[in-house]
């Protein structure tokens, strides 16, 4: 029984980097479609943001779309990982407060559930880093040699 407990309690040493890779990939693909939709209809997205009361809605769409698209590639590769999580977390906070907050938590009601999950996942990656299966880690490893 002690072996089983030790095996379970040390899972992070065997799976931690794989978990960070999986988290990065899930997030990367989560940002792909919203960025493509923004760039596919900049005027429509700008009009929608303008109706929500955003100042400079076209600029907001371009900035959000650019960071989301960059997030797709950088998270997938594990490149500049901690840096890209910062604007993406800020975008999630803005989206939660301006678009979803009034609808409550549940995603089924257009609540803030999904962007909140993304915010938490981004925070984990910001805190823990990209893991060893990343370009960031390969570069750091070479620098430290």
N, C-alpha and C. Protein backbone atom coordinates (compact mmCIF):
# COMPACT_ATOMS: atom_id res chain seq x y z
N UNK A 1 0.83 -1.20 0.00
CA UNK A 1 0.00 0.00 0.00
C UNK A 1 0.87 1.26 0.00
N UNK A 2 1.99 1.22 0.73
CA UNK A 2 2.89 2.38 0.75
C UNK A 2 3.43 2.68 -0.64
N UNK A 3 3.71 1.63 -1.40
CA UNK A 3 4.22 1.82 -2.76
C UNK A 3 3.18 2.53 -3.64
N UNK A 4 1.95 2.12 -3.49
CA UNK A 4 0.87 2.73 -4.27
C UNK A 4 0.74 4.20 -3.91
N UNK A 5 0.75 4.50 -2.63
CA UNK A 5 0.63 5.89 -2.17
C UNK A 5 1.81 6.71 -2.67
N UNK A 6 3.02 6.15 -2.58
CA UNK A 6 4.19 6.87 -3.06
C UNK A 6 4.12 7.07 -4.57
N UNK A 7 3.67 6.06 -5.29
CA UNK A 7 3.55 6.16 -6.74
C UNK A 7 2.59 7.29 -7.11
N UNK A 8 1.46 7.35 -6.44
CA UNK A 8 0.46 8.39 -6.73
C UNK A 8 0.99 9.76 -6.32
N UNK A 9 1.60 9.85 -5.15
CA UNK A 9 2.07 11.14 -4.65
C UNK A 9 3.28 11.70 -5.40
N UNK A 10 3.92 10.89 -6.20
CA UNK A 10 5.06 11.37 -6.98
C UNK A 10 4.74 11.41 -8.48
N UNK A 11 3.47 11.41 -8.81
CA UNK A 11 3.05 11.43 -10.22
C UNK A 11 3.61 12.63 -10.97
N UNK A 12 3.76 13.74 -10.27
CA UNK A 12 4.25 14.95 -10.95
C UNK A 12 5.64 14.75 -11.52
N UNK A 13 6.46 13.93 -10.90
CA UNK A 13 7.82 13.73 -11.42
C UNK A 13 7.81 12.94 -12.72
N UNK A 14 6.76 12.17 -12.96
CA UNK A 14 6.65 11.38 -14.19
C UNK A 14 5.77 12.03 -15.24
N UNK A 15 4.81 12.82 -14.83
CA UNK A 15 3.81 13.32 -15.77
C UNK A 15 3.72 14.84 -15.86
N UNK A 16 4.41 15.56 -15.00
CA UNK A 16 4.26 17.02 -14.93
C UNK A 16 4.51 17.72 -16.25
N UNK A 17 5.60 17.36 -16.94
CA UNK A 17 5.91 18.01 -18.21
C UNK A 17 4.93 17.64 -19.31
N UNK A 18 4.43 16.41 -19.28
CA UNK A 18 3.41 16.01 -20.24
C UNK A 18 2.10 16.75 -19.98
N UNK A 19 1.79 16.96 -18.71
CA UNK A 19 0.58 17.70 -18.34
C UNK A 19 0.67 19.15 -18.82
N UNK A 20 1.84 19.77 -18.66
CA UNK A 20 2.01 21.15 -19.13
C UNK A 20 1.92 21.22 -20.65
N UNK A 21 2.47 20.23 -21.33
CA UNK A 21 2.35 20.19 -22.79
C UNK A 21 0.88 20.07 -23.20
N UNK A 22 0.16 19.16 -22.57
CA UNK A 22 -1.26 18.99 -22.89
C UNK A 22 -2.04 20.28 -22.63
N UNK A 23 -1.76 20.91 -21.52
CA UNK A 23 -2.43 22.16 -21.17
C UNK A 23 -2.14 23.25 -22.21
N UNK A 24 -0.88 23.37 -22.60
CA UNK A 24 -0.50 24.36 -23.62
C UNK A 24 -1.21 24.11 -24.94
N UNK A 25 -1.28 22.85 -25.36
CA UNK A 25 -1.90 22.53 -26.64
C UNK A 25 -3.40 22.79 -26.62
N UNK A 26 -4.07 22.41 -25.53
CA UNK A 26 -5.51 22.67 -25.40
C UNK A 26 -5.78 24.16 -25.47
N UNK A 27 -5.00 24.94 -24.74
CA UNK A 27 -5.17 26.39 -24.76
C UNK A 27 -4.86 26.97 -26.14
N UNK A 28 -3.81 26.49 -26.76
CA UNK A 28 -3.43 27.00 -28.08
C UNK A 28 -4.60 26.88 -29.04
N UNK A 29 -5.18 25.71 -29.11
CA UNK A 29 -6.28 25.51 -30.04
C UNK A 29 -7.54 26.25 -29.60
N UNK A 30 -7.67 26.52 -28.32
CA UNK A 30 -8.78 27.32 -27.83
C UNK A 30 -8.71 28.77 -28.28
N UNK A 31 -7.53 29.26 -28.55
CA UNK A 31 -7.37 30.65 -29.01
C UNK A 31 -7.37 30.77 -30.53
N UNK A 32 -7.20 29.66 -31.23
CA UNK A 32 -7.12 29.71 -32.69
C UNK A 32 -8.42 30.20 -33.32
N UNK A 33 -9.52 29.52 -33.03
CA UNK A 33 -10.78 29.86 -33.69
C UNK A 33 -11.26 31.29 -33.39
N UNK A 34 -11.21 31.75 -32.13
CA UNK A 34 -11.63 33.13 -31.89
C UNK A 34 -10.80 34.15 -32.67
N UNK A 35 -9.50 33.90 -32.81
CA UNK A 35 -8.66 34.84 -33.56
C UNK A 35 -9.03 34.83 -35.04
N UNK A 36 -9.25 33.66 -35.59
CA UNK A 36 -9.62 33.55 -37.00
C UNK A 36 -10.97 34.22 -37.26
N UNK A 37 -11.91 34.04 -36.34
CA UNK A 37 -13.22 34.70 -36.49
C UNK A 37 -13.09 36.21 -36.45
N UNK A 38 -12.25 36.73 -35.57
CA UNK A 38 -12.06 38.18 -35.49
C UNK A 38 -11.49 38.71 -36.80
N UNK A 39 -10.46 38.06 -37.31
CA UNK A 39 -9.83 38.54 -38.54
C UNK A 39 -10.69 38.26 -39.77
N UNK A 40 -11.57 37.28 -39.67
CA UNK A 40 -12.46 36.97 -40.78
C UNK A 40 -13.60 37.97 -40.92
N UNK A 41 -13.89 38.70 -39.84
CA UNK A 41 -14.98 39.68 -39.87
C UNK A 41 -14.64 40.83 -38.92
N UNK A 42 -13.61 41.56 -39.24
CA UNK A 42 -13.14 42.64 -38.37
C UNK A 42 -14.24 43.69 -38.16
N UNK A 43 -14.94 44.04 -39.23
CA UNK A 43 -15.97 45.06 -39.09
C UNK A 43 -17.13 44.58 -38.22
N UNK A 44 -17.55 43.36 -38.41
CA UNK A 44 -18.64 42.81 -37.59
C UNK A 44 -18.24 42.71 -36.12
N UNK A 45 -17.03 42.22 -35.88
CA UNK A 45 -16.55 42.10 -34.50
C UNK A 45 -16.39 43.48 -33.87
N UNK A 46 -15.93 44.44 -34.65
CA UNK A 46 -15.77 45.81 -34.15
C UNK A 46 -17.12 46.42 -33.80
N UNK A 47 -18.09 46.20 -34.65
CA UNK A 47 -19.43 46.72 -34.39
C UNK A 47 -20.00 46.11 -33.11
N UNK A 48 -19.83 44.81 -32.95
CA UNK A 48 -20.31 44.12 -31.75
C UNK A 48 -19.65 44.69 -30.50
N UNK A 49 -18.31 44.86 -30.53
CA UNK A 49 -17.61 45.44 -29.38
C UNK A 49 -18.04 46.87 -29.13
N UNK A 50 -18.26 47.63 -30.19
CA UNK A 50 -18.73 48.99 -30.04
C UNK A 50 -20.08 49.04 -29.34
N UNK A 51 -20.96 48.09 -29.67
CA UNK A 51 -22.27 48.01 -29.03
C UNK A 51 -22.16 47.66 -27.55
N UNK A 52 -21.07 47.00 -27.17
CA UNK A 52 -20.84 46.69 -25.76
C UNK A 52 -20.23 47.87 -25.01
N UNK A 53 -19.87 48.92 -25.75
CA UNK A 53 -19.33 50.11 -25.12
C UNK A 53 -17.82 50.19 -25.10
N UNK A 54 -17.16 49.31 -25.86
CA UNK A 54 -15.69 49.37 -25.92
C UNK A 54 -15.24 50.62 -26.65
N UNK A 55 -14.28 51.35 -26.08
CA UNK A 55 -13.68 52.45 -26.84
C UNK A 55 -12.75 51.87 -27.91
N UNK A 56 -12.67 52.52 -29.03
CA UNK A 56 -11.81 52.08 -30.14
C UNK A 56 -12.01 50.58 -30.44
N UNK A 57 -13.23 50.19 -30.80
CA UNK A 57 -13.52 48.76 -30.96
C UNK A 57 -12.70 48.08 -32.05
N UNK A 58 -12.38 48.77 -33.13
CA UNK A 58 -11.59 48.13 -34.20
C UNK A 58 -10.18 47.83 -33.69
N UNK A 59 -9.59 48.77 -32.96
CA UNK A 59 -8.28 48.54 -32.37
C UNK A 59 -8.33 47.38 -31.36
N UNK A 60 -9.40 47.33 -30.58
CA UNK A 60 -9.55 46.25 -29.60
C UNK A 60 -9.63 44.89 -30.29
N UNK A 61 -10.37 44.82 -31.38
CA UNK A 61 -10.49 43.56 -32.14
C UNK A 61 -9.13 43.17 -32.72
N UNK A 62 -8.43 44.13 -33.29
CA UNK A 62 -7.11 43.83 -33.88
C UNK A 62 -6.12 43.38 -32.82
N UNK A 63 -6.10 44.05 -31.67
CA UNK A 63 -5.18 43.66 -30.60
C UNK A 63 -5.53 42.29 -30.04
N UNK A 64 -6.80 42.08 -29.72
CA UNK A 64 -7.22 40.79 -29.16
C UNK A 64 -6.94 39.67 -30.16
N UNK A 65 -7.31 39.89 -31.43
CA UNK A 65 -7.09 38.86 -32.45
C UNK A 65 -5.62 38.56 -32.64
N UNK A 66 -4.79 39.59 -32.62
CA UNK A 66 -3.35 39.39 -32.79
C UNK A 66 -2.76 38.60 -31.62
N UNK A 67 -3.12 38.97 -30.39
CA UNK A 67 -2.60 38.24 -29.24
C UNK A 67 -3.13 36.82 -29.19
N UNK A 68 -4.39 36.62 -29.57
CA UNK A 68 -4.94 35.26 -29.59
C UNK A 68 -4.24 34.41 -30.65
N UNK A 69 -4.00 34.99 -31.81
CA UNK A 69 -3.33 34.23 -32.87
C UNK A 69 -1.88 33.94 -32.48
N UNK A 70 -1.20 34.94 -31.92
CA UNK A 70 0.16 34.72 -31.43
C UNK A 70 0.15 33.66 -30.33
N UNK A 71 -0.86 33.73 -29.46
CA UNK A 71 -0.98 32.74 -28.39
C UNK A 71 -1.11 31.34 -28.93
N UNK A 72 -1.85 31.18 -30.02
CA UNK A 72 -1.99 29.86 -30.65
C UNK A 72 -0.62 29.29 -30.98
N UNK A 73 0.19 30.05 -31.69
CA UNK A 73 1.50 29.55 -32.10
C UNK A 73 2.48 29.43 -30.94
N UNK A 74 2.56 30.45 -30.12
CA UNK A 74 3.56 30.46 -29.05
C UNK A 74 3.27 29.41 -27.98
N UNK A 75 2.01 29.21 -27.63
CA UNK A 75 1.67 28.17 -26.66
C UNK A 75 1.94 26.79 -27.24
N UNK A 76 1.60 26.61 -28.50
CA UNK A 76 1.81 25.32 -29.14
C UNK A 76 3.30 24.96 -29.15
N UNK A 77 4.13 25.92 -29.46
CA UNK A 77 5.57 25.68 -29.54
C UNK A 77 6.27 25.73 -28.18
N UNK A 78 5.62 26.37 -27.23
CA UNK A 78 6.29 26.60 -25.94
C UNK A 78 7.38 27.64 -26.10
N UNK A 79 7.07 28.69 -26.85
CA UNK A 79 8.03 29.75 -27.14
C UNK A 79 7.51 31.06 -26.53
N UNK A 80 8.35 31.73 -25.75
CA UNK A 80 7.94 32.96 -25.06
C UNK A 80 6.66 32.72 -24.26
N UNK A 81 6.57 31.57 -23.69
CA UNK A 81 5.33 31.08 -23.10
C UNK A 81 4.81 31.96 -21.97
N UNK A 82 5.66 32.25 -21.02
CA UNK A 82 5.19 33.07 -19.90
C UNK A 82 4.80 34.47 -20.36
N UNK A 83 5.49 34.98 -21.36
CA UNK A 83 5.21 36.33 -21.85
C UNK A 83 3.85 36.42 -22.53
N UNK A 84 3.49 35.41 -23.33
CA UNK A 84 2.21 35.46 -24.04
C UNK A 84 1.04 35.22 -23.08
N UNK A 85 1.29 34.54 -21.98
CA UNK A 85 0.17 34.32 -21.04
C UNK A 85 -0.32 35.63 -20.42
N UNK A 86 0.55 36.62 -20.30
CA UNK A 86 0.16 37.88 -19.65
C UNK A 86 -0.94 38.60 -20.43
N UNK A 87 -0.73 38.92 -21.73
CA UNK A 87 -1.84 39.57 -22.44
C UNK A 87 -3.07 38.68 -22.59
N UNK A 88 -2.85 37.37 -22.70
CA UNK A 88 -4.00 36.47 -22.82
C UNK A 88 -4.82 36.45 -21.53
N UNK A 89 -4.15 36.48 -20.38
CA UNK A 89 -4.89 36.56 -19.11
C UNK A 89 -5.66 37.87 -19.02
N UNK A 90 -5.04 38.94 -19.45
CA UNK A 90 -5.71 40.24 -19.44
C UNK A 90 -6.95 40.22 -20.34
N UNK A 91 -6.82 39.63 -21.52
CA UNK A 91 -7.97 39.50 -22.43
C UNK A 91 -9.08 38.69 -21.76
N UNK A 92 -8.72 37.58 -21.10
CA UNK A 92 -9.74 36.77 -20.44
C UNK A 92 -10.45 37.55 -19.33
N UNK A 93 -9.71 38.34 -18.57
CA UNK A 93 -10.32 39.15 -17.51
C UNK A 93 -11.29 40.16 -18.12
N UNK A 94 -10.87 40.82 -19.20
CA UNK A 94 -11.74 41.80 -19.86
C UNK A 94 -12.99 41.13 -20.41
N UNK A 95 -12.82 39.98 -21.05
CA UNK A 95 -13.95 39.24 -21.62
C UNK A 95 -14.92 38.81 -20.51
N UNK A 96 -14.37 38.31 -19.42
CA UNK A 96 -15.23 37.89 -18.30
C UNK A 96 -16.05 39.07 -17.80
N UNK A 97 -15.40 40.20 -17.56
CA UNK A 97 -16.08 41.34 -16.95
C UNK A 97 -17.04 42.05 -17.89
N UNK A 98 -16.72 42.11 -19.17
CA UNK A 98 -17.53 42.91 -20.09
C UNK A 98 -18.56 42.11 -20.88
N UNK A 99 -18.25 40.86 -21.19
CA UNK A 99 -19.14 40.09 -22.05
C UNK A 99 -19.97 39.07 -21.26
N UNK A 100 -19.34 38.37 -20.32
CA UNK A 100 -19.98 37.21 -19.71
C UNK A 100 -20.49 37.39 -18.28
N UNK A 101 -19.96 38.33 -17.54
CA UNK A 101 -20.25 38.44 -16.11
C UNK A 101 -21.74 38.51 -15.81
N UNK A 102 -22.46 39.31 -16.55
CA UNK A 102 -23.89 39.50 -16.31
C UNK A 102 -24.72 38.26 -16.55
N UNK A 103 -24.14 37.25 -17.19
CA UNK A 103 -24.87 36.02 -17.48
C UNK A 103 -24.61 34.92 -16.46
N UNK A 104 -23.87 35.23 -15.42
CA UNK A 104 -23.56 34.22 -14.41
C UNK A 104 -22.40 33.33 -14.83
N UNK A 105 -22.27 32.21 -14.17
CA UNK A 105 -21.12 31.33 -14.37
C UNK A 105 -21.29 30.37 -15.55
N UNK A 106 -22.45 29.77 -15.69
CA UNK A 106 -22.65 28.65 -16.62
C UNK A 106 -22.41 29.02 -18.08
N UNK A 107 -21.60 28.21 -18.74
CA UNK A 107 -21.34 28.41 -20.16
C UNK A 107 -22.63 28.28 -20.97
N UNK A 108 -23.53 27.43 -20.54
CA UNK A 108 -24.79 27.24 -21.25
C UNK A 108 -25.62 28.52 -21.32
N UNK A 109 -25.39 29.44 -20.39
CA UNK A 109 -26.08 30.73 -20.38
C UNK A 109 -25.19 31.86 -20.87
N UNK A 110 -24.13 31.53 -21.60
CA UNK A 110 -23.13 32.51 -22.05
C UNK A 110 -22.45 33.17 -20.85
N UNK A 111 -22.29 32.40 -19.79
CA UNK A 111 -21.61 32.89 -18.60
C UNK A 111 -20.11 32.86 -18.76
N UNK A 112 -19.42 33.15 -17.67
CA UNK A 112 -17.96 33.31 -17.73
C UNK A 112 -17.18 32.03 -17.47
N UNK A 113 -17.84 30.89 -17.49
CA UNK A 113 -17.20 29.61 -17.18
C UNK A 113 -15.98 29.32 -18.06
N UNK A 114 -16.12 29.36 -19.36
CA UNK A 114 -15.02 28.99 -20.26
C UNK A 114 -13.87 29.98 -20.18
N UNK A 115 -14.10 31.29 -20.30
CA UNK A 115 -12.94 32.18 -20.16
C UNK A 115 -12.31 32.12 -18.78
N UNK A 116 -13.08 31.78 -17.75
CA UNK A 116 -12.50 31.61 -16.42
C UNK A 116 -11.57 30.40 -16.39
N UNK A 117 -12.00 29.30 -17.01
CA UNK A 117 -11.12 28.12 -17.09
C UNK A 117 -9.84 28.45 -17.84
N UNK A 118 -9.97 29.19 -18.95
CA UNK A 118 -8.79 29.60 -19.70
C UNK A 118 -7.87 30.46 -18.84
N UNK A 119 -8.45 31.37 -18.09
CA UNK A 119 -7.67 32.23 -17.19
C UNK A 119 -6.89 31.41 -16.18
N UNK A 120 -7.53 30.42 -15.59
CA UNK A 120 -6.86 29.56 -14.60
C UNK A 120 -5.76 28.75 -15.27
N UNK A 121 -6.03 28.19 -16.45
CA UNK A 121 -5.01 27.41 -17.15
C UNK A 121 -3.82 28.28 -17.55
N UNK A 122 -4.10 29.48 -18.01
CA UNK A 122 -3.01 30.42 -18.34
C UNK A 122 -2.18 30.75 -17.11
N UNK A 123 -2.84 30.92 -15.98
CA UNK A 123 -2.13 31.22 -14.74
C UNK A 123 -1.23 30.06 -14.33
N UNK A 124 -1.69 28.84 -14.52
CA UNK A 124 -0.86 27.67 -14.21
C UNK A 124 0.39 27.67 -15.10
N UNK A 125 0.22 27.92 -16.37
CA UNK A 125 1.37 27.94 -17.29
C UNK A 125 2.30 29.10 -16.95
N UNK A 126 1.73 30.26 -16.62
CA UNK A 126 2.56 31.39 -16.20
C UNK A 126 3.36 31.01 -14.95
N UNK A 127 2.73 30.34 -14.01
CA UNK A 127 3.38 29.99 -12.75
C UNK A 127 4.40 28.87 -12.89
N UNK A 128 4.05 27.83 -13.62
CA UNK A 128 4.90 26.64 -13.72
C UNK A 128 5.85 26.67 -14.91
N UNK A 129 5.56 27.50 -15.89
CA UNK A 129 6.37 27.51 -17.10
C UNK A 129 5.84 26.51 -18.10
N UNK A 130 6.49 26.41 -19.25
CA UNK A 130 5.98 25.58 -20.35
C UNK A 130 6.29 24.09 -20.21
N UNK A 131 7.18 23.73 -19.30
CA UNK A 131 7.59 22.33 -19.20
C UNK A 131 8.76 22.04 -20.13
N UNK A 132 9.33 20.85 -19.99
CA UNK A 132 10.55 20.54 -20.75
C UNK A 132 10.29 20.26 -22.23
N UNK A 133 9.03 20.02 -22.61
CA UNK A 133 8.71 19.79 -24.02
C UNK A 133 8.32 21.11 -24.66
N UNK A 134 9.27 22.02 -24.70
CA UNK A 134 9.02 23.36 -25.23
C UNK A 134 10.31 23.95 -25.77
N UNK A 135 10.17 24.91 -26.66
CA UNK A 135 11.35 25.61 -27.18
C UNK A 135 11.99 26.42 -26.06
N UNK A 136 11.15 27.05 -25.23
CA UNK A 136 11.69 27.82 -24.11
C UNK A 136 12.65 26.98 -23.27
N UNK A 137 12.24 25.79 -22.94
CA UNK A 137 13.06 24.93 -22.08
C UNK A 137 14.33 24.49 -22.80
N UNK A 138 14.24 24.23 -24.09
CA UNK A 138 15.43 23.83 -24.86
C UNK A 138 16.44 24.97 -24.91
N UNK A 139 15.96 26.18 -25.07
CA UNK A 139 16.86 27.34 -25.11
C UNK A 139 17.48 27.57 -23.75
N UNK A 140 16.68 27.49 -22.70
CA UNK A 140 17.20 27.67 -21.33
C UNK A 140 18.25 26.61 -21.02
N UNK A 141 17.97 25.36 -21.42
CA UNK A 141 18.91 24.27 -21.18
C UNK A 141 20.23 24.53 -21.89
N UNK A 142 20.21 25.07 -23.10
CA UNK A 142 21.45 25.35 -23.84
C UNK A 142 22.21 26.50 -23.20
N UNK A 143 21.48 27.52 -22.74
CA UNK A 143 22.12 28.67 -22.12
C UNK A 143 22.82 28.27 -20.82
N UNK A 144 22.21 27.36 -20.08
CA UNK A 144 22.75 26.96 -18.79
C UNK A 144 23.94 26.02 -18.90
N UNK A 145 24.21 25.47 -20.08
CA UNK A 145 25.33 24.54 -20.25
C UNK A 145 26.64 25.26 -20.34
